[in-house]
Amino acid sequence: MLINEIFYSLQGEGRLAGVPSVFIRLAGCPLHCRWCDTPYAQNVSAGTKFTKEWILEQVNRYPAHHLVITGGEPMTQPILPELLKVVRRPGTHITVETAGIMFVRNLSCDLMSISPKLSNSTPANPTQAAAHERLRLNVQALKDLLRHYTYQLKFVVDSQGDLDEIVRFVEELPDVKLGLVFLMPQATRREEYIEKSQWLADYCLHTGFSFGPRLQVMLWEGQRGR
């Protein structure tokens, strides 16, 4: 199985923010988000082949009952269904993090954490931008994911101009509960994170969306492995 890294940290985002978790990062993503915080996992070549036994050994080193499968983009990796079966243990909660660009049926996970990419994610490079725009939004895949899995939706908010786009986006999806929609400040430094959090928190109070923390930024300013 091709793995980029396995590490132990606090879940930084969404409804399980703050929960100690083991993260298994897969390699490879077809998107080229402008603010991607894991560019080192973007190519499939960034993965190393490990045995099932080695992966389980790494997971079992830590006192956590929550596993997070992340990337890259896990849903595009053929090993995902088998990996989930390998790491599934009694009492373990498994989250799969995805941009929602592909639907895979019958995955053994407890939470589908979906982070659709807004127009603010488009890279400056024209070639990458064209591919990114073609792939970043798959409404049918999103609808299927919401229908078949327990979910949360997370949106990275770079500026107040993104908010109307989020509202339009959510309106396209069937029966989304606003409390399951998390709006998260886009930032790489703690000071920027706090500044954006002020007006974004106020917006959430007025609309019913949930404010989404990003503990990896607030606590560690995006250090790898945290």
Protein backbone atom coordinates (compact mmCIF):
# COMPACT_ATOMS: atom_id res chain seq x y z
CA MET A 1 0.00 0.00 0.00
CA LEU A 2 1.34 3.45 -0.94
CA ILE A 3 1.47 5.70 2.09
CA ASN A 4 2.91 9.22 2.33
CA GLU A 5 3.04 9.41 6.13
CA ILE A 6 1.43 8.20 9.35
CA PHE A 7 1.39 10.51 12.36
CA TYR A 8 -0.41 11.14 15.64
CA SER A 9 -2.00 14.49 16.43
CA LEU A 10 -5.23 16.23 17.36
CA GLN A 11 -7.93 16.35 14.74
CA GLY A 12 -7.79 19.99 13.74
CA GLU A 13 -11.09 20.48 11.94
CA GLY A 14 -14.80 19.75 11.96
CA ARG A 15 -17.03 18.12 14.55
CA LEU A 16 -14.17 16.05 16.03
CA ALA A 17 -11.73 18.94 16.44
CA GLY A 18 -9.45 18.33 19.39
CA VAL A 19 -9.80 14.54 19.41
CA PRO A 20 -6.46 12.63 19.46
CA SER A 21 -6.24 10.79 16.14
CA VAL A 22 -3.89 8.73 14.00
CA PHE A 23 -3.60 10.20 10.51
CA ILE A 24 -2.81 8.00 7.53
CA ARG A 25 -1.90 10.19 4.57
CA LEU A 26 -2.17 8.73 1.09
CA ALA A 27 -0.29 10.18 -1.86
CA GLY A 28 -1.77 11.63 -5.03
CA CYS A 29 -4.35 14.32 -5.82
CA PRO A 30 -5.58 15.55 -9.21
CA LEU A 31 -6.34 19.04 -7.86
CA HIS A 32 -3.82 21.88 -7.50
CA CYS A 33 -5.34 24.07 -4.81
CA ARG A 34 -3.68 27.48 -4.46
CA TRP A 35 -3.57 27.17 -0.68
CA CYS A 36 -2.86 23.42 -0.44
CA ASP A 37 -1.13 22.77 2.89
CA THR A 38 0.21 19.34 1.87
CA PRO A 39 1.86 19.86 -1.55
CA TYR A 40 4.40 17.20 -0.59
CA ALA A 41 1.63 14.57 -0.93
CA GLN A 42 0.22 15.79 -4.23
CA ASN A 43 1.98 13.29 -6.49
CA VAL A 44 1.54 9.52 -6.34
CA SER A 45 5.33 9.27 -6.40
CA ALA A 46 5.30 10.78 -2.89
CA GLY A 47 4.01 7.47 -1.53
CA THR A 48 6.07 4.57 -0.22
CA LYS A 49 4.87 0.98 -0.43
CA PHE A 50 4.29 -0.61 2.96
CA THR A 51 2.78 -3.92 4.04
CA LYS A 52 -0.53 -4.21 5.89
CA GLU A 53 1.37 -5.48 8.90
CA TRP A 54 3.64 -2.42 9.01
CA ILE A 55 0.68 -0.04 8.73
CA LEU A 56 -1.13 -1.77 11.61
CA GLU A 57 2.05 -1.70 13.68
CA GLN A 58 2.31 2.08 13.22
CA VAL A 59 -1.36 2.66 14.02
CA ASN A 60 -1.18 0.51 17.16
CA ARG A 61 1.70 2.57 18.56
CA TYR A 62 -0.68 5.32 19.61
CA PRO A 63 -3.44 5.45 22.27
CA ALA A 64 -6.11 6.66 19.87
CA HIS A 65 -9.50 5.26 18.87
CA HIS A 66 -9.91 7.68 15.98
CA LEU A 67 -8.28 7.18 12.59
CA VAL A 68 -8.25 9.75 9.80
CA ILE A 69 -7.55 8.74 6.20
CA THR A 70 -6.37 11.83 4.39
CA GLY A 71 -4.26 12.88 1.43
CA GLY A 72 -3.71 13.85 -1.23
CA GLU A 73 -7.17 12.76 -2.28
CA PRO A 74 -8.03 9.34 -0.80
CA MET A 75 -11.09 8.75 -2.97
CA THR A 76 -8.95 8.53 -6.11
CA GLN A 77 -6.68 5.85 -4.61
CA PRO A 78 -7.62 2.24 -5.52
CA ILE A 79 -6.20 0.97 -2.20
CA LEU A 80 -8.72 2.90 -0.10
CA PRO A 81 -11.40 0.19 0.38
CA GLU A 82 -8.79 -2.42 1.34
CA LEU A 83 -6.95 0.01 3.63
CA LEU A 84 -10.15 0.77 5.53
CA LYS A 85 -10.77 -2.93 6.08
CA VAL A 86 -7.20 -3.43 7.29
CA VAL A 87 -7.33 -0.65 9.92
CA ARG A 88 -10.91 -1.27 11.05
CA ARG A 89 -10.92 -2.51 14.65
CA PRO A 90 -13.74 -2.79 17.25
CA GLY A 91 -14.29 0.60 18.87
CA THR A 92 -12.38 2.51 16.20
CA HIS A 93 -13.90 5.59 14.54
CA ILE A 94 -12.70 6.18 10.98
CA THR A 95 -12.92 9.48 9.11
CA VAL A 96 -12.20 9.77 5.39
CA GLU A 97 -11.23 13.26 4.23
CA THR A 98 -12.09 14.15 0.64
CA ALA A 99 -12.68 17.08 -1.67
CA GLY A 100 -15.86 15.34 -2.85
CA ILE A 101 -14.72 14.94 -6.44
CA MET A 102 -15.50 11.21 -6.61
CA PHE A 103 -18.06 8.83 -5.12
CA VAL A 104 -16.99 5.37 -3.92
CA ARG A 105 -19.69 3.07 -2.59
CA ASN A 106 -19.66 0.95 0.60
CA LEU A 107 -16.55 2.32 2.26
CA SER A 108 -16.04 1.17 5.86
CA CYS A 109 -15.93 4.60 7.49
CA ASP A 110 -17.88 6.40 10.20
CA LEU A 111 -17.58 9.96 8.89
CA MET A 112 -17.13 11.32 5.39
CA SER A 113 -15.44 14.69 5.86
CA ILE A 114 -16.05 16.56 2.61
CA SER A 115 -14.20 19.76 1.77
CA PRO A 116 -15.44 21.04 -1.62
CA LYS A 117 -13.07 23.47 -3.27
CA LEU A 118 -14.36 26.97 -3.97
CA SER A 119 -13.18 29.26 -6.75
CA ASN A 120 -10.69 30.76 -4.26
CA SER A 121 -8.70 27.51 -4.56
CA THR A 122 -7.81 27.92 -8.24
CA PRO A 123 -4.03 28.11 -8.77
CA ALA A 124 -2.32 30.90 -10.69
CA ASN A 125 -0.58 28.57 -13.16
CA PRO A 126 -2.82 28.55 -16.30
CA THR A 127 -2.30 24.87 -17.09
CA GLN A 128 -2.96 23.77 -13.53
CA ALA A 129 -5.89 26.18 -13.29
CA ALA A 130 -7.63 24.64 -16.30
CA ALA A 131 -7.34 21.11 -14.89
CA HIS A 132 -8.33 22.25 -11.42
CA GLU A 133 -11.47 24.04 -12.61
CA ARG A 134 -12.52 21.01 -14.63
CA LEU A 135 -12.23 18.66 -11.65
CA ARG A 136 -12.87 20.63 -8.45
CA LEU A 137 -16.67 20.46 -8.51
CA ASN A 138 -18.64 17.25 -9.04
CA VAL A 139 -22.18 17.94 -7.83
CA GLN A 140 -23.45 14.42 -8.49
CA ALA A 141 -20.58 12.86 -6.53
CA LEU A 142 -21.31 15.24 -3.66
CA LYS A 143 -25.00 14.33 -3.66
CA ASP A 144 -24.13 10.62 -3.63
CA LEU A 145 -21.67 11.06 -0.75
CA LEU A 146 -24.25 12.96 1.31
CA ARG A 147 -26.87 10.33 0.60
CA HIS A 148 -24.77 7.28 1.49
CA TYR A 149 -22.53 8.41 4.35
CA THR A 150 -22.64 10.23 7.66
CA TYR A 151 -21.02 13.50 6.62
CA GLN A 152 -19.74 16.93 7.42
CA LEU A 153 -19.06 19.68 4.89
CA LYS A 154 -16.06 21.98 5.37
CA PHE A 155 -15.35 25.13 3.38
CA VAL A 156 -12.11 27.08 3.50
CA VAL A 157 -12.98 30.79 3.60
CA ASP A 158 -10.30 33.15 2.35
CA SER A 159 -12.34 36.38 2.26
CA GLN A 160 -15.86 37.61 2.90
CA GLY A 161 -16.42 37.43 -0.85
CA ASP A 162 -16.46 33.62 -0.57
CA LEU A 163 -19.56 33.54 1.62
CA ASP A 164 -22.17 34.05 -1.13
CA GLU A 165 -20.53 31.28 -3.15
CA ILE A 166 -20.85 28.92 -0.18
CA VAL A 167 -24.54 29.73 0.21
CA ARG A 168 -25.17 29.04 -3.49
CA PHE A 169 -23.15 25.84 -3.25
CA VAL A 170 -25.10 24.49 -0.27
CA GLU A 171 -28.43 25.37 -1.91
CA GLU A 172 -27.57 23.02 -4.78
CA LEU A 173 -27.33 20.06 -2.41
CA PRO A 174 -30.41 18.26 -1.00
CA ASP A 175 -31.46 18.77 2.63
CA VAL A 176 -28.09 19.83 4.03
CA LYS A 177 -28.23 20.61 7.75
CA LEU A 178 -26.52 23.97 8.31
CA GLY A 179 -24.98 22.76 11.57
CA LEU A 180 -23.02 20.16 9.59
CA VAL A 181 -21.50 22.86 7.38
CA PHE A 182 -18.24 24.16 8.87
CA LEU A 183 -16.70 27.43 7.68
CA MET A 184 -12.95 27.54 8.32
CA PRO A 185 -10.56 30.52 8.05
CA GLN A 186 -7.90 30.17 5.38
CA ALA A 187 -4.58 31.05 7.02
CA THR A 188 -1.04 29.81 7.44
CA ARG A 189 -0.12 31.94 10.46
CA ARG A 190 -1.82 32.28 13.83
CA GLU A 191 -2.28 36.05 13.60
CA GLU A 192 -4.04 35.80 10.24
CA TYR A 193 -6.17 32.92 11.52
CA ILE A 194 -7.37 34.92 14.53
CA GLU A 195 -8.16 38.01 12.44
CA LYS A 196 -10.30 36.07 9.96
CA SER A 197 -11.95 34.11 12.76
CA GLN A 198 -13.50 37.29 14.19
CA TRP A 199 -15.70 38.16 11.22
CA LEU A 200 -16.27 34.54 10.20
CA ALA A 201 -17.55 33.64 13.69
CA ASP A 202 -19.98 36.58 13.53
CA TYR A 203 -21.22 35.38 10.14
CA CYS A 204 -21.83 31.88 11.53
CA LEU A 205 -23.81 33.32 14.44
CA HIS A 206 -26.08 35.15 12.00
CA THR A 207 -26.60 32.28 9.54
CA GLY A 208 -26.57 28.98 11.44
CA PHE A 209 -23.45 27.61 9.77
CA SER A 210 -20.90 26.13 12.18
CA PHE A 211 -17.59 27.88 12.76
CA GLY A 212 -14.84 25.42 11.91
CA PRO A 213 -11.60 25.67 13.88
CA ARG A 214 -8.26 24.81 12.31
CA LEU A 215 -6.20 23.73 15.29
CA GLN A 216 -3.23 22.80 13.12
CA VAL A 217 -2.92 26.50 12.25
CA MET A 218 -3.87 27.97 15.63
CA LEU A 219 -1.58 25.69 17.66
CA TRP A 220 1.26 24.78 15.32
CA GLU A 221 0.97 27.09 12.29
CA GLY A 222 0.76 24.17 9.89
CA GLN A 223 3.87 22.24 10.94
CA ARG A 224 4.12 18.94 9.09
CA GLY A 225 3.04 15.98 11.20
CA ARG A 226 0.88 18.14 13.49
